[in-house]
PDB file of all heavy atoms in Angstrom:
ATOM      1  N   THR A   1    -152.044 -64.385-102.281  1.00  0.00           N
ATOM      2  CA  THR A   1    -152.639 -63.406-101.360  1.00  0.00           C
ATOM      3  C   THR A   1    -153.110 -64.103-100.086  1.00  0.00           C
ATOM      4  O   THR A   1    -153.763 -63.477 -99.301  1.00  0.00           O
ATOM      5  CB  THR A   1    -153.862 -62.796-102.071  1.00  0.00           C
ATOM      6  OG1 THR A   1    -154.801 -63.721-102.399  1.00  0.00           O
ATOM      7  CG2 THR A   1    -153.407 -62.037-103.293  1.00  0.00           C
ATOM      8  N   SER A   2    -152.707 -65.338 -99.862  1.00  0.00           N
ATOM      9  CA  SER A   2    -153.251 -66.071 -98.658  1.00  0.00           C
ATOM     10  C   SER A   2    -152.769 -65.382 -97.386  1.00  0.00           C
ATOM     11  O   SER A   2    -153.510 -65.396 -96.356  1.00  0.00           O
ATOM     12  CB  SER A   2    -152.863 -67.577 -98.698  1.00  0.00           C
ATOM     13  OG  SER A   2    -151.420 -67.671 -98.784  1.00  0.00           O
ATOM     14  N   SER A   3    -151.545 -64.903 -97.352  1.00  0.00           N
ATOM     15  CA  SER A   3    -151.049 -64.247 -96.132  1.00  0.00           C
ATOM     16  C   SER A   3    -150.299 -62.909 -96.629  1.00  0.00           C
ATOM     17  O   SER A   3    -149.133 -62.730 -96.288  1.00  0.00           O
ATOM     18  CB  SER A   3    -150.068 -65.185 -95.388  1.00  0.00           C
ATOM     19  OG  SER A   3    -149.025 -65.560 -96.287  1.00  0.00           O
ATOM     20  N   ILE A   4    -150.999 -62.174 -97.342  1.00  0.00           N
ATOM     21  CA  ILE A   4    -150.392 -61.088 -98.053  1.00  0.00           C
ATOM     22  C   ILE A   4    -149.855 -59.918 -97.164  1.00  0.00           C
ATOM     23  O   ILE A   4    -148.799 -59.385 -97.368  1.00  0.00           O
ATOM     24  CB  ILE A   4    -151.421 -60.438 -99.085  1.00  0.00           C
ATOM     25  CG1 ILE A   4    -150.716 -59.481-100.022  1.00  0.00           C
ATOM     26  CG2 ILE A   4    -152.648 -59.833 -98.394  1.00  0.00           C
ATOM     27  CD1 ILE A   4    -151.553 -59.042-101.158  1.00  0.00           C
ATOM     28  N   ILE A   5    -150.595 -59.622 -96.066  1.00  0.00           N
ATOM     29  CA  ILE A   5    -150.148 -58.583 -95.191  1.00  0.00           C
ATOM     30  C   ILE A   5    -148.898 -58.937 -94.433  1.00  0.00           C
ATOM     31  O   ILE A   5    -147.923 -58.184 -94.415  1.00  0.00           O
ATOM     32  CB  ILE A   5    -151.295 -58.083 -94.227  1.00  0.00           C
ATOM     33  CG1 ILE A   5    -152.436 -57.454 -94.998  1.00  0.00           C
ATOM     34  CG2 ILE A   5    -150.772 -57.192 -93.155  1.00  0.00           C
ATOM     35  CD1 ILE A   5    -153.562 -56.983 -94.219  1.00  0.00           C
ATOM     36  N   PRO A   6    -148.841 -60.083 -93.740  1.00  0.00           N
ATOM     37  CA  PRO A   6    -147.562 -60.513 -93.125  1.00  0.00           C
ATOM     38  C   PRO A   6    -146.443 -60.584 -94.097  1.00  0.00           C
ATOM     39  O   PRO A   6    -145.272 -60.198 -93.809  1.00  0.00           O
ATOM     40  CB  PRO A   6    -147.914 -61.902 -92.541  1.00  0.00           C
ATOM     41  CG  PRO A   6    -149.294 -61.878 -92.324  1.00  0.00           C
ATOM     42  CD  PRO A   6    -149.897 -61.075 -93.481  1.00  0.00           C
ATOM     43  N   SER A   7    -146.651 -61.034 -95.307  1.00  0.00           N
ATOM     44  CA  SER A   7    -145.606 -61.168 -96.321  1.00  0.00           C
ATOM     45  C   SER A   7    -145.148 -59.742 -96.750  1.00  0.00           C
ATOM     46  O   SER A   7    -143.945 -59.637 -96.893  1.00  0.00           O
ATOM     47  CB  SER A   7    -146.118 -61.908 -97.599  1.00  0.00           C
ATOM     48  OG  SER A   7    -146.352 -63.307 -97.218  1.00  0.00           O
ATOM     49  N   PHE A   8    -146.072 -58.815 -96.855  1.00  0.00           N
ATOM     50  CA  PHE A   8    -145.670 -57.534 -97.219  1.00  0.00           C
ATOM     51  C   PHE A   8    -144.886 -56.852 -96.161  1.00  0.00           C
ATOM     52  O   PHE A   8    -143.872 -56.171 -96.406  1.00  0.00           O
ATOM     53  CB  PHE A   8    -146.862 -56.632 -97.568  1.00  0.00           C
ATOM     54  CG  PHE A   8    -146.540 -55.189 -97.795  1.00  0.00           C
ATOM     55  CD1 PHE A   8    -145.963 -54.806 -99.041  1.00  0.00           C
ATOM     56  CD2 PHE A   8    -146.725 -54.205 -96.857  1.00  0.00           C
ATOM     57  CE1 PHE A   8    -145.559 -53.511 -99.263  1.00  0.00           C
ATOM     58  CE2 PHE A   8    -146.400 -52.907 -97.063  1.00  0.00           C
ATOM     59  CZ  PHE A   8    -145.800 -52.611 -98.267  1.00  0.00           C
ATOM     60  N   ILE A   9    -145.237 -57.048 -94.875  1.00  0.00           N
ATOM     61  CA  ILE A   9    -144.532 -56.403 -93.802  1.00  0.00           C
ATOM     62  C   ILE A   9    -143.054 -56.915 -93.780  1.00  0.00           C
ATOM     63  O   ILE A   9    -142.125 -56.130 -93.646  1.00  0.00           O
ATOM     64  CB  ILE A   9    -145.233 -56.751 -92.411  1.00  0.00           C
ATOM     65  CG1 ILE A   9    -146.561 -55.937 -92.404  1.00  0.00           C
ATOM     66  CG2 ILE A   9    -144.344 -56.298 -91.262  1.00  0.00           C
ATOM     67  CD1 ILE A   9    -147.425 -56.316 -91.164  1.00  0.00           C
ATOM     68  N   LEU A  10    -142.914 -58.212 -93.928  1.00  0.00           N
ATOM     69  CA  LEU A  10    -141.594 -58.828 -94.003  1.00  0.00           C
ATOM     70  C   LEU A  10    -140.807 -58.240 -95.168  1.00  0.00           C
ATOM     71  O   LEU A  10    -139.688 -57.876 -95.047  1.00  0.00           O
ATOM     72  CB  LEU A  10    -141.670 -60.331 -94.121  1.00  0.00           C
ATOM     73  CG  LEU A  10    -140.363 -61.133 -94.058  1.00  0.00           C
ATOM     74  CD1 LEU A  10    -139.670 -60.854 -92.780  1.00  0.00           C
ATOM     75  CD2 LEU A  10    -140.623 -62.617 -94.242  1.00  0.00           C
ATOM     76  N   TYR A  11    -141.432 -58.189 -96.328  1.00  0.00           N
ATOM     77  CA  TYR A  11    -140.776 -57.663 -97.554  1.00  0.00           C
ATOM     78  C   TYR A  11    -140.401 -56.207 -97.358  1.00  0.00           C
ATOM     79  O   TYR A  11    -139.296 -55.772 -97.673  1.00  0.00           O
ATOM     80  CB  TYR A  11    -141.699 -57.792 -98.781  1.00  0.00           C
ATOM     81  CG  TYR A  11    -141.314 -56.941 -99.897  1.00  0.00           C
ATOM     82  CD1 TYR A  11    -140.231 -57.226-100.736  1.00  0.00           C
ATOM     83  CD2 TYR A  11    -142.052 -55.764-100.193  1.00  0.00           C
ATOM     84  CE1 TYR A  11    -139.909 -56.471-101.814  1.00  0.00           C
ATOM     85  CE2 TYR A  11    -141.706 -54.958-101.239  1.00  0.00           C
ATOM     86  CZ  TYR A  11    -140.601 -55.307-102.064  1.00  0.00           C
ATOM     87  OH  TYR A  11    -140.276 -54.448-103.091  1.00  0.00           O
ATOM     88  N   PHE A  12    -141.310 -55.391 -96.810  1.00  0.00           N
ATOM     89  CA  PHE A  12    -141.082 -53.957 -96.735  1.00  0.00           C
ATOM     90  C   PHE A  12    -139.899 -53.707 -95.726  1.00  0.00           C
ATOM     91  O   PHE A  12    -139.092 -52.710 -95.953  1.00  0.00           O
ATOM     92  CB  PHE A  12    -142.345 -53.226 -96.247  1.00  0.00           C
ATOM     93  CG  PHE A  12    -142.164 -51.723 -96.335  1.00  0.00           C
ATOM     94  CD1 PHE A  12    -142.290 -51.108 -97.512  1.00  0.00           C
ATOM     95  CD2 PHE A  12    -141.978 -51.004 -95.149  1.00  0.00           C
ATOM     96  CE1 PHE A  12    -142.153 -49.661 -97.521  1.00  0.00           C
ATOM     97  CE2 PHE A  12    -141.814 -49.621 -95.168  1.00  0.00           C
ATOM     98  CZ  PHE A  12    -141.902 -48.987 -96.364  1.00  0.00           C
ATOM     99  N   LEU A  13    -139.821 -54.481 -94.637  1.00  0.00           N
ATOM    100  CA  LEU A  13    -138.702 -54.319 -93.739  1.00  0.00           C
ATOM    101  C   LEU A  13    -137.368 -54.591 -94.413  1.00  0.00           C
ATOM    102  O   LEU A  13    -136.368 -53.816 -94.231  1.00  0.00           O
ATOM    103  CB  LEU A  13    -138.884 -55.211 -92.526  1.00  0.00           C
ATOM    104  CG  LEU A  13    -139.967 -54.816 -91.531  1.00  0.00           C
ATOM    105  CD1 LEU A  13    -140.168 -55.868 -90.436  1.00  0.00           C
ATOM    106  CD2 LEU A  13    -139.737 -53.395 -90.931  1.00  0.00           C
ATOM    107  N   GLY A  14    -137.368 -55.650 -95.243  1.00  0.00           N
ATOM    108  CA  GLY A  14    -136.146 -55.875 -96.018  1.00  0.00           C
ATOM    109  C   GLY A  14    -135.882 -54.840 -97.056  1.00  0.00           C
ATOM    110  O   GLY A  14    -134.750 -54.422 -97.249  1.00  0.00           O
ATOM    111  N   PHE A  15    -136.931 -54.312 -97.642  1.00  0.00           N
ATOM    112  CA  PHE A  15    -136.770 -53.227 -98.652  1.00  0.00           C
ATOM    113  C   PHE A  15    -136.266 -51.982 -97.983  1.00  0.00           C
ATOM    114  O   PHE A  15    -135.347 -51.298 -98.479  1.00  0.00           O
ATOM    115  CB  PHE A  15    -138.055 -52.956 -99.361  1.00  0.00           C
ATOM    116  CG  PHE A  15    -138.052 -51.947-100.491  1.00  0.00           C
ATOM    117  CD1 PHE A  15    -137.718 -52.340-101.736  1.00  0.00           C
ATOM    118  CD2 PHE A  15    -138.291 -50.618-100.198  1.00  0.00           C
ATOM    119  CE1 PHE A  15    -137.676 -51.445-102.789  1.00  0.00           C
ATOM    120  CE2 PHE A  15    -138.240 -49.671-101.291  1.00  0.00           C
ATOM    121  CZ  PHE A  15    -137.941 -50.080-102.560  1.00  0.00           C
ATOM    122  N   LEU A  16    -136.689 -51.666 -96.820  1.00  0.00           N
ATOM    123  CA  LEU A  16    -136.235 -50.570 -96.046  1.00  0.00           C
ATOM    124  C   LEU A  16    -134.762 -50.636 -95.755  1.00  0.00           C
ATOM    125  O   LEU A  16    -133.965 -49.673 -95.960  1.00  0.00           O
ATOM    126  CB  LEU A  16    -137.036 -50.473 -94.710  1.00  0.00           C
ATOM    127  CG  LEU A  16    -136.670 -49.311 -93.758  1.00  0.00           C
ATOM    128  CD1 LEU A  16    -137.080 -47.978 -94.295  1.00  0.00           C
ATOM    129  CD2 LEU A  16    -137.376 -49.587 -92.396  1.00  0.00           C
ATOM    130  N   GLY A  17    -134.270 -51.875 -95.317  1.00  0.00           N
ATOM    131  CA  GLY A  17    -132.935 -52.032 -95.108  1.00  0.00           C
ATOM    132  C   GLY A  17    -132.079 -51.905 -96.359  1.00  0.00           C
ATOM    133  O   GLY A  17    -130.933 -51.334 -96.361  1.00  0.00           O
ATOM    134  N   MET A  18    -132.609 -52.478 -97.447  1.00  0.00           N
ATOM    135  CA  MET A  18    -131.914 -52.422 -98.747  1.00  0.00           C
ATOM    136  C   MET A  18    -131.690 -51.031 -99.198  1.00  0.00           C
ATOM    137  O   MET A  18    -130.633 -50.705 -99.874  1.00  0.00           O
ATOM    138  CB  MET A  18    -132.648 -53.275 -99.772  1.00  0.00           C
ATOM    139  CG  MET A  18    -131.977 -53.346-101.135  1.00  0.00           C
ATOM    140  SD  MET A  18    -132.459 -52.008-102.261  1.00  0.00           S
ATOM    141  CE  MET A  18    -134.205 -52.302-102.458  1.00  0.00           C
ATOM    142  N   VAL A  19    -132.634 -50.129 -98.966  1.00  0.00           N
ATOM    143  CA  VAL A  19    -132.563 -48.671 -99.381  1.00  0.00           C
ATOM    144  C   VAL A  19    -131.684 -47.892 -98.415  1.00  0.00           C
ATOM    145  O   VAL A  19    -130.815 -47.134 -98.920  1.00  0.00           O
ATOM    146  CB  VAL A  19    -133.924 -48.135 -99.456  1.00  0.00           C
ATOM    147  CG1 VAL A  19    -133.881 -46.610 -99.700  1.00  0.00           C
ATOM    148  CG2 VAL A  19    -134.779 -48.808-100.569  1.00  0.00           C
ATOM    149  N   ILE A  20    -131.826 -48.113 -97.078  1.00  0.00           N
ATOM    150  CA  ILE A  20    -131.235 -47.173 -96.179  1.00  0.00           C
ATOM    151  C   ILE A  20    -129.775 -47.541 -95.794  1.00  0.00           C
ATOM    152  O   ILE A  20    -128.898 -46.702 -95.732  1.00  0.00           O
ATOM    153  CB  ILE A  20    -132.071 -47.190 -94.812  1.00  0.00           C
ATOM    154  CG1 ILE A  20    -133.420 -46.635 -95.136  1.00  0.00           C
ATOM    155  CG2 ILE A  20    -131.376 -46.373 -93.753  1.00  0.00           C
ATOM    156  CD1 ILE A  20    -133.445 -45.171 -95.665  1.00  0.00           C
ATOM    157  N   ILE A  21    -129.558 -48.874 -95.648  1.00  0.00           N
ATOM    158  CA  ILE A  21    -128.144 -49.254 -95.197  1.00  0.00           C
ATOM    159  C   ILE A  21    -127.052 -48.771 -96.144  1.00  0.00           C
ATOM    160  O   ILE A  21    -126.037 -48.243 -95.655  1.00  0.00           O
ATOM    161  CB  ILE A  21    -128.079 -50.799 -95.039  1.00  0.00           C
ATOM    162  CG1 ILE A  21    -128.876 -51.221 -93.841  1.00  0.00           C
ATOM    163  CG2 ILE A  21    -126.642 -51.274 -94.862  1.00  0.00           C
ATOM    164  CD1 ILE A  21    -129.037 -52.779 -93.706  1.00  0.00           C
ATOM    165  N   PRO A  22    -127.184 -48.924 -97.540  1.00  0.00           N
ATOM    166  CA  PRO A  22    -126.108 -48.422 -98.323  1.00  0.00           C
ATOM    167  C   PRO A  22    -125.939 -46.881 -98.192  1.00  0.00           C
ATOM    168  O   PRO A  22    -124.798 -46.384 -98.249  1.00  0.00           O
ATOM    169  CB  PRO A  22    -126.585 -48.776 -99.774  1.00  0.00           C
ATOM    170  CG  PRO A  22    -127.432 -49.975 -99.575  1.00  0.00           C
ATOM    171  CD  PRO A  22    -128.175 -49.714 -98.250  1.00  0.00           C
ATOM    172  N   SER A  23    -127.057 -46.177 -98.001  1.00  0.00           N
ATOM    173  CA  SER A  23    -126.960 -44.703 -97.823  1.00  0.00           C
ATOM    174  C   SER A  23    -126.169 -44.271 -96.519  1.00  0.00           C
ATOM    175  O   SER A  23    -125.347 -43.419 -96.522  1.00  0.00           O
ATOM    176  CB  SER A  23    -128.307 -44.077 -97.842  1.00  0.00           C
ATOM    177  OG  SER A  23    -128.951 -44.283 -99.101  1.00  0.00           O
ATOM    178  N   VAL A  24    -126.420 -45.037 -95.501  1.00  0.00           N
ATOM    179  CA  VAL A  24    -125.760 -44.789 -94.195  1.00  0.00           C
ATOM    180  C   VAL A  24    -124.256 -45.144 -94.344  1.00  0.00           C
ATOM    181  O   VAL A  24    -123.381 -44.370 -93.877  1.00  0.00           O
ATOM    182  CB  VAL A  24    -126.481 -45.591 -93.066  1.00  0.00           C
ATOM    183  CG1 VAL A  24    -125.673 -45.457 -91.741  1.00  0.00           C
ATOM    184  CG2 VAL A  24    -127.855 -45.144 -92.858  1.00  0.00           C
ATOM    185  N   VAL A  25    -123.989 -46.304 -94.881  1.00  0.00           N
ATOM    186  CA  VAL A  25    -122.559 -46.732 -94.977  1.00  0.00           C
ATOM    187  C   VAL A  25    -121.871 -45.742 -95.952  1.00  0.00           C
ATOM    188  O   VAL A  25    -120.781 -45.331 -95.660  1.00  0.00           O
ATOM    189  CB  VAL A  25    -122.462 -48.186 -95.504  1.00  0.00           C
ATOM    190  CG1 VAL A  25    -121.006 -48.553 -95.840  1.00  0.00           C
ATOM    191  CG2 VAL A  25    -123.086 -49.152 -94.475  1.00  0.00           C
ATOM    192  N   GLY A  26    -122.543 -45.450 -96.981  1.00  0.00           N
ATOM    193  CA  GLY A  26    -121.960 -44.544 -98.041  1.00  0.00           C
ATOM    194  C   GLY A  26    -121.646 -43.179 -97.408  1.00  0.00           C
ATOM    195  O   GLY A  26    -120.630 -42.568 -97.699  1.00  0.00           O
ATOM    196  N   TYR A  27    -122.536 -42.679 -96.534  1.00  0.00           N
ATOM    197  CA  TYR A  27    -122.330 -41.383 -95.934  1.00  0.00           C
ATOM    198  C   TYR A  27    -121.040 -41.314 -95.172  1.00  0.00           C
ATOM    199  O   TYR A  27    -120.276 -40.339 -95.218  1.00  0.00           O
ATOM    200  CB  TYR A  27    -123.556 -41.013 -95.047  1.00  0.00           C
ATOM    201  CG  TYR A  27    -123.313 -39.782 -94.224  1.00  0.00           C
ATOM    202  CD1 TYR A  27    -123.577 -38.537 -94.895  1.00  0.00           C
ATOM    203  CD2 TYR A  27    -122.847 -39.775 -92.918  1.00  0.00           C
ATOM    204  CE1 TYR A  27    -123.368 -37.345 -94.148  1.00  0.00           C
ATOM    205  CE2 TYR A  27    -122.704 -38.644 -92.228  1.00  0.00           C
ATOM    206  CZ  TYR A  27    -122.949 -37.372 -92.820  1.00  0.00           C
ATOM    207  OH  TYR A  27    -122.767 -36.235 -92.132  1.00  0.00           O
ATOM    208  N   PHE A  28    -120.768 -42.408 -94.477  1.00  0.00           N
ATOM    209  CA  PHE A  28    -119.512 -42.413 -93.603  1.00  0.00           C
ATOM    210  C   PHE A  28    -118.244 -42.715 -94.360  1.00  0.00           C
ATOM    211  O   PHE A  28    -117.161 -42.612 -93.896  1.00  0.00           O
ATOM    212  CB  PHE A  28    -119.724 -43.345 -92.408  1.00  0.00           C
ATOM    213  CG  PHE A  28    -120.615 -42.878 -91.353  1.00  0.00           C
ATOM    214  CD1 PHE A  28    -121.949 -43.445 -91.264  1.00  0.00           C
ATOM    215  CD2 PHE A  28    -120.257 -41.870 -90.496  1.00  0.00           C
ATOM    216  CE1 PHE A  28    -122.811 -42.974 -90.354  1.00  0.00           C
ATOM    217  CE2 PHE A  28    -121.166 -41.419 -89.556  1.00  0.00           C
ATOM    218  CZ  PHE A  28    -122.437 -41.940 -89.434  1.00  0.00           C
ATOM    219  N   MET A  29    -118.386 -43.146 -95.639  1.00  0.00           N
ATOM    220  CA  MET A  29    -117.207 -43.645 -96.360  1.00  0.00           C
ATOM    221  C   MET A  29    -116.859 -42.748 -97.537  1.00  0.00           C
ATOM    222  O   MET A  29    -115.936 -43.017 -98.263  1.00  0.00           O
ATOM    223  CB  MET A  29    -117.446 -45.029 -96.919  1.00  0.00           C
ATOM    224  CG  MET A  29    -117.616 -46.103 -95.752  1.00  0.00           C
ATOM    225  SD  MET A  29    -116.259 -46.161 -94.644  1.00  0.00           S
ATOM    226  CE  MET A  29    -114.944 -46.758 -95.661  1.00  0.00           C
ATOM    227  N   VAL A  30    -117.597 -41.633 -97.742  1.00  0.00           N
ATOM    228  CA  VAL A  30    -117.249 -40.723 -98.866  1.00  0.00           C
ATOM    229  C   VAL A  30    -116.666 -39.462 -98.254  1.00  0.00           C
ATOM    230  O   VAL A  30    -116.667 -39.193 -97.070  1.00  0.00           O
ATOM    231  CB  VAL A  30    -118.464 -40.419 -99.689  1.00  0.00           C
ATOM    232  CG1 VAL A  30    -118.993 -41.652-100.409  1.00  0.00           C
ATOM    233  CG2 VAL A  30    -119.639 -39.743 -98.861  1.00  0.00           C
ATOM    234  N   ASN A  31    -116.153 -38.553 -99.200  1.00  0.00           N
ATOM    235  CA  ASN A  31    -115.580 -37.316 -98.746  1.00  0.00           C
ATOM    236  C   ASN A  31    -116.689 -36.283 -98.323  1.00  0.00           C
ATOM    237  O   ASN A  31    -117.900 -36.623 -98.383  1.00  0.00           O
ATOM    238  CB  ASN A  31    -114.639 -36.704 -99.829  1.00  0.00           C
ATOM    239  CG  ASN A  31    -115.440 -36.482-101.124  1.00  0.00           C
ATOM    240  OD1 ASN A  31    -116.689 -36.418-101.130  1.00  0.00           O
ATOM    241  ND2 ASN A  31    -114.739 -36.461-102.254  1.00  0.00           N
ATOM    242  N   ASN A  32    -116.280 -35.107 -97.834  1.00  0.00           N
ATOM    243  CA  ASN A  32    -117.221 -34.171 -97.311  1.00  0.00           C
ATOM    244  C   ASN A  32    -118.242 -33.778 -98.388  1.00  0.00           C
ATOM    245  O   ASN A  32    -119.462 -33.526 -98.143  1.00  0.00           O
ATOM    246  CB  ASN A  32    -116.516 -32.991 -96.804  1.00  0.00           C
ATOM    247  CG  ASN A  32    -115.727 -33.218 -95.536  1.00  0.00           C
ATOM    248  OD1 ASN A  32    -116.124 -34.110 -94.733  1.00  0.00           O
ATOM    249  ND2 ASN A  32    -114.718 -32.539 -95.286  1.00  0.00           N
ATOM    250  N   GLU A  33    -117.804 -33.624 -99.600  1.00  0.00           N
ATOM    251  CA  GLU A  33    -118.690 -33.310-100.752  1.00  0.00           C
ATOM    252  C   GLU A  33    -119.724 -34.427-100.888  1.00  0.00           C
ATOM    253  O   GLU A  33    -120.932 -34.115-101.051  1.00  0.00           O
ATOM    254  CB  GLU A  33    -117.891 -33.113-102.059  1.00  0.00           C
ATOM    255  CG  GLU A  33    -118.759 -32.792-103.245  1.00  0.00           C
ATOM    256  CD  GLU A  33    -117.989 -32.739-104.536  1.00  0.00           C
ATOM    257  OE1 GLU A  33    -116.948 -33.443-104.593  1.00  0.00           O
ATOM    258  OE2 GLU A  33    -118.371 -32.002-105.493  1.00  0.00           O
ATOM    259  N   GLY A  34    -119.305 -35.641-100.826  1.00  0.00           N
ATOM    260  CA  GLY A  34    -120.196 -36.771-100.947  1.00  0.00           C
ATOM    261  C   GLY A  34    -121.200 -36.775 -99.823  1.00  0.00           C
ATOM    262  O   GLY A  34    -122.351 -37.177-100.036  1.00  0.00           O
ATOM    263  N   LYS A  35    -120.751 -36.552 -98.573  1.00  0.00           N
ATOM    264  CA  LYS A  35    -121.691 -36.491 -97.463  1.00  0.00           C
ATOM    265  C   LYS A  35    -122.809 -35.535 -97.723  1.00  0.00           C
ATOM    266  O   LYS A  35    -123.966 -35.815 -97.376  1.00  0.00           O
ATOM    267  CB  LYS A  35    -120.885 -36.132 -96.213  1.00  0.00           C
ATOM    268  CG  LYS A  35    -119.988 -37.188 -95.651  1.00  0.00           C
ATOM    269  CD  LYS A  35    -119.327 -36.722 -94.400  1.00  0.00           C
ATOM    270  CE  LYS A  35    -118.621 -37.869 -93.591  1.00  0.00           C
ATOM    271  NZ  LYS A  35    -117.600 -38.605 -94.456  1.00  0.00           N
ATOM    272  N   ARG A  36    -122.450 -34.338 -98.262  1.00  0.00           N
ATOM    273  CA  ARG A  36    -123.509 -33.417 -98.538  1.00  0.00           C
ATOM    274  C   ARG A  36    -124.539 -33.946 -99.589  1.00  0.00           C
ATOM    275  O   ARG A  36    -125.676 -33.623 -99.497  1.00  0.00           O
ATOM    276  CB  ARG A  36    -122.880 -32.057 -99.013  1.00  0.00           C
ATOM    277  CG  ARG A  36    -123.844 -30.922 -99.106  1.00  0.00           C
ATOM    278  CD  ARG A  36    -123.190 -29.562 -99.344  1.00  0.00           C
ATOM    279  NE  ARG A  36    -124.122 -28.506 -99.074  1.00  0.00           N
ATOM    280  CZ  ARG A  36    -123.785 -27.232 -99.237  1.00  0.00           C
ATOM    281  NH1 ARG A  36    -122.563 -26.932 -99.668  1.00  0.00           N
ATOM    282  NH2 ARG A  36    -124.634 -26.257 -98.925  1.00  0.00           N
ATOM    283  N   TYR A  37    -123.935 -34.608-100.611  1.00  0.00           N
ATOM    284  CA  TYR A  37    -124.847 -35.156-101.596  1.00  0.00           C
ATOM    285  C   TYR A  37    -125.819 -36.207-101.026  1.00  0.00           C
ATOM    286  O   TYR A  37    -126.999 -36.227-101.352  1.00  0.00           O
ATOM    287  CB  TYR A  37    -124.001 -35.836-102.734  1.00  0.00           C
ATOM    288  CG  TYR A  37    -123.178 -34.871-103.597  1.00  0.00           C
ATOM    289  CD1 TYR A  37    -122.132 -35.246-104.349  1.00  0.00           C
ATOM    290  CD2 TYR A  37    -123.559 -33.500-103.639  1.00  0.00           C
ATOM    291  CE1 TYR A  37    -121.379 -34.373-105.105  1.00  0.00           C
ATOM    292  CE2 TYR A  37    -122.810 -32.607-104.424  1.00  0.00           C
ATOM    293  CZ  TYR A  37    -121.739 -33.079-105.194  1.00  0.00           C
ATOM    294  OH  TYR A  37    -120.996 -32.226-105.889  1.00  0.00           O
ATOM    295  N   VAL A  38    -125.253 -37.050-100.192  1.00  0.00           N
ATOM    296  CA  VAL A  38    -126.118 -38.157 -99.592  1.00  0.00           C
ATOM    297  C   VAL A  38    -127.190 -37.556 -98.736  1.00  0.00           C
ATOM    298  O   VAL A  38    -128.403 -37.890 -98.782  1.00  0.00           O
ATOM    299  CB  VAL A  38    -125.229 -39.147 -98.793  1.00  0.00           C
ATOM    300  CG1 VAL A  38    -126.160 -40.129 -98.067  1.00  0.00           C
ATOM    301  CG2 VAL A  38    -124.268 -39.873 -99.814  1.00  0.00           C
ATOM    302  N   LEU A  39    -126.775 -36.567 -97.866  1.00  0.00           N
ATOM    303  CA  LEU A  39    -127.779 -35.968 -96.969  1.00  0.00           C
ATOM    304  C   LEU A  39    -128.859 -35.237 -97.822  1.00  0.00           C
ATOM    305  O   LEU A  39    -130.069 -35.242 -97.431  1.00  0.00           O
ATOM    306  CB  LEU A  39    -127.094 -34.880 -96.043  1.00  0.00           C
ATOM    307  CG  LEU A  39    -126.385 -35.506 -94.862  1.00  0.00           C
ATOM    308  CD1 LEU A  39    -125.695 -34.348 -94.074  1.00  0.00           C
ATOM    309  CD2 LEU A  39    -127.359 -36.177 -93.913  1.00  0.00           C
ATOM    310  N   SER A  40    -128.491 -34.608 -98.954  1.00  0.00           N
ATOM    311  CA  SER A  40    -129.414 -33.884 -99.686  1.00  0.00           C
ATOM    312  C   SER A  40    -130.355 -34.835-100.443  1.00  0.00           C
ATOM    313  O   SER A  40    -131.372 -34.391-100.917  1.00  0.00           O
ATOM    314  CB  SER A  40    -128.657 -33.085-100.775  1.00  0.00           C
ATOM    315  OG  SER A  40    -129.474 -32.295-101.556  1.00  0.00           O
ATOM    316  N   GLY A  41    -130.051 -36.068-100.452  1.00  0.00           N
ATOM    317  CA  GLY A  41    -130.874 -37.072-101.154  1.00  0.00           C
ATOM    318  C   GLY A  41    -131.803 -37.931-100.278  1.00  0.00           C
ATOM    319  O   GLY A  41    -132.593 -38.670-100.811  1.00  0.00           O
ATOM    320  N   LEU A  42    -131.655 -37.771 -98.938  1.00  0.00           N
ATOM    321  CA  LEU A  42    -132.475 -38.596 -98.083  1.00  0.00           C
ATOM    322  C   LEU A  42    -133.988 -38.402 -98.190  1.00  0.00           C
ATOM    323  O   LEU A  42    -134.729 -39.356 -97.967  1.00  0.00           O
ATOM    324  CB  LEU A  42    -131.996 -38.407 -96.615  1.00  0.00           C
ATOM    325  CG  LEU A  42    -130.573 -38.814 -96.319  1.00  0.00           C
ATOM    326  CD1 LEU A  42    -130.236 -38.531 -94.822  1.00  0.00           C
ATOM    327  CD2 LEU A  42    -130.372 -40.325 -96.571  1.00  0.00           C
ATOM    328  N   TRP A  43    -134.384 -37.276 -98.526  1.00  0.00           N
ATOM    329  CA  TRP A  43    -135.819 -36.948 -98.644  1.00  0.00           C
ATOM    330  C   TRP A  43    -136.442 -37.838 -99.756  1.00  0.00           C
ATOM    331  O   TRP A  43    -137.552 -38.279 -99.624  1.00  0.00           O
ATOM    332  CB  TRP A  43    -136.102 -35.439 -98.998  1.00  0.00           C
ATOM    333  CG  TRP A  43    -135.564 -35.053-100.376  1.00  0.00           C
ATOM    334  CD1 TRP A  43    -134.395 -34.488-100.660  1.00  0.00           C
ATOM    335  CD2 TRP A  43    -136.264 -35.227-101.616  1.00  0.00           C
ATOM    336  NE1 TRP A  43    -134.237 -34.266-102.065  1.00  0.00           N
ATOM    337  CE2 TRP A  43    -135.451 -34.694-102.650  1.00  0.00           C
ATOM    338  CE3 TRP A  43    -137.522 -35.720-101.999  1.00  0.00           C
ATOM    339  CZ2 TRP A  43    -135.787 -34.657-103.985  1.00  0.00           C
ATOM    340  CZ3 TRP A  43    -137.918 -35.716-103.307  1.00  0.00           C
ATOM    341  CH2 TRP A  43    -136.952 -35.202-104.274  1.00  0.00           C
ATOM    342  N   LEU A  44    -135.630 -38.059-100.842  1.00  0.00           N
ATOM    343  CA  LEU A  44    -136.197 -38.892-101.900  1.00  0.00           C
ATOM    344  C   LEU A  44    -136.350 -40.306-101.444  1.00  0.00           C
ATOM    345  O   LEU A  44    -137.387 -40.969-101.764  1.00  0.00           O
ATOM    346  CB  LEU A  44    -135.219 -38.878-103.113  1.00  0.00           C
ATOM    347  CG  LEU A  44    -135.708 -39.756-104.313  1.00  0.00           C
ATOM    348  CD1 LEU A  44    -137.032 -39.322-104.879  1.00  0.00           C
ATOM    349  CD2 LEU A  44    -134.677 -39.690-105.429  1.00  0.00           C
TER     350      LEU A  44
END
């Protein structure tokens, strides 16, 4: 916990990319039905 806030900020930015990037790439690489599924799941 010596530098917990800076460590968390760095971790969370990485976590954000790990969650969002596959969804963005997936959206552009699936069929129209898949695009609707991905968009419908972004709220989660």
